[in-house]
N, C-alpha and C. Protein backbone atom coordinates (compact mmCIF):
# COMPACT_ATOMS: atom_id res chain seq x y z
N MET A 1 0.85 -1.20 0.00
CA MET A 1 0.00 0.00 0.00
C MET A 1 0.88 1.24 0.00
N THR A 2 0.65 2.12 -0.95
CA THR A 2 1.47 3.33 -1.06
C THR A 2 0.84 4.46 -0.25
N PRO A 3 1.63 5.26 0.39
CA PRO A 3 1.11 6.39 1.17
C PRO A 3 0.46 7.42 0.26
N PRO A 4 -0.55 8.14 0.75
CA PRO A 4 -1.26 9.13 -0.08
C PRO A 4 -0.32 10.22 -0.62
N SER A 5 0.77 10.48 0.08
CA SER A 5 1.67 11.55 -0.33
C SER A 5 2.53 11.15 -1.54
N ALA A 6 2.53 9.87 -1.87
CA ALA A 6 3.37 9.39 -2.98
C ALA A 6 2.93 10.06 -4.30
N GLY A 7 1.63 10.10 -4.54
CA GLY A 7 1.12 10.71 -5.77
C GLY A 7 1.46 12.18 -5.84
N ALA A 8 1.34 12.87 -4.70
CA ALA A 8 1.65 14.30 -4.67
C ALA A 8 3.12 14.53 -4.95
N GLN A 9 3.97 13.66 -4.39
CA GLN A 9 5.41 13.80 -4.61
C GLN A 9 5.75 13.63 -6.09
N VAL A 10 5.11 12.68 -6.74
CA VAL A 10 5.34 12.47 -8.17
C VAL A 10 4.93 13.71 -8.95
N ARG A 11 3.79 14.29 -8.59
CA ARG A 11 3.33 15.49 -9.27
C ARG A 11 4.32 16.62 -9.09
N LEU A 12 4.86 16.76 -7.86
CA LEU A 12 5.84 17.82 -7.61
C LEU A 12 7.09 17.60 -8.44
N ASP A 13 7.52 16.34 -8.53
CA ASP A 13 8.72 16.04 -9.32
C ASP A 13 8.49 16.36 -10.79
N MET A 14 7.31 16.00 -11.30
CA MET A 14 7.00 16.27 -12.70
C MET A 14 6.93 17.78 -12.94
N HIS A 15 6.32 18.49 -11.99
CA HIS A 15 6.20 19.94 -12.12
C HIS A 15 7.59 20.58 -12.10
N ALA A 16 8.44 20.11 -11.21
CA ALA A 16 9.79 20.67 -11.10
C ALA A 16 10.57 20.44 -12.39
N SER A 17 10.45 19.23 -12.94
CA SER A 17 11.17 18.93 -14.19
C SER A 17 10.61 19.76 -15.33
N ALA A 18 9.30 19.98 -15.32
CA ALA A 18 8.69 20.79 -16.37
C ALA A 18 9.17 22.23 -16.27
N MET A 19 9.24 22.76 -15.05
CA MET A 19 9.71 24.13 -14.86
C MET A 19 11.17 24.26 -15.29
N THR A 20 11.97 23.24 -14.94
CA THR A 20 13.39 23.26 -15.32
C THR A 20 13.53 23.25 -16.84
N ALA A 21 12.73 22.44 -17.51
CA ALA A 21 12.80 22.36 -18.96
C ALA A 21 12.38 23.70 -19.57
N THR A 22 11.40 24.34 -18.95
CA THR A 22 10.93 25.63 -19.46
C THR A 22 12.00 26.69 -19.29
N VAL A 23 12.66 26.69 -18.12
CA VAL A 23 13.69 27.71 -17.85
C VAL A 23 14.91 27.50 -18.74
N THR A 24 15.34 26.25 -18.87
CA THR A 24 16.54 25.97 -19.66
C THR A 24 16.27 26.13 -21.15
N GLY A 25 14.99 26.05 -21.53
CA GLY A 25 14.64 26.21 -22.93
C GLY A 25 14.51 27.69 -23.27
N PRO A 26 13.29 28.21 -23.35
CA PRO A 26 13.10 29.64 -23.65
C PRO A 26 13.28 30.48 -22.39
N GLU A 27 14.51 30.88 -22.11
CA GLU A 27 14.78 31.64 -20.88
C GLU A 27 14.10 33.01 -20.92
N ARG A 28 13.79 33.48 -22.10
CA ARG A 28 13.15 34.80 -22.22
C ARG A 28 11.76 34.78 -21.61
N ASN A 29 11.15 33.57 -21.46
CA ASN A 29 9.81 33.47 -20.90
C ASN A 29 9.83 33.35 -19.39
N TRP A 30 11.01 33.20 -18.79
CA TRP A 30 11.09 33.00 -17.34
C TRP A 30 10.48 34.17 -16.55
N PRO A 31 10.78 35.42 -16.87
CA PRO A 31 10.18 36.54 -16.11
C PRO A 31 8.66 36.52 -16.18
N ALA A 32 8.11 36.09 -17.27
CA ALA A 32 6.66 36.04 -17.41
C ALA A 32 6.06 34.95 -16.53
N LEU A 33 6.80 33.85 -16.36
CA LEU A 33 6.30 32.74 -15.54
C LEU A 33 6.37 33.10 -14.06
N ARG A 34 7.30 33.96 -13.67
CA ARG A 34 7.40 34.36 -12.28
C ARG A 34 6.26 35.31 -11.96
């Protein structure tokens, strides 16, 4: 049985990787995302 926080942690990891990809890609869009 997996703890309820496991799904949330996966979402956070995916979100973090997505943000990193966005920042490392079009850096000109970073100020707009902040």
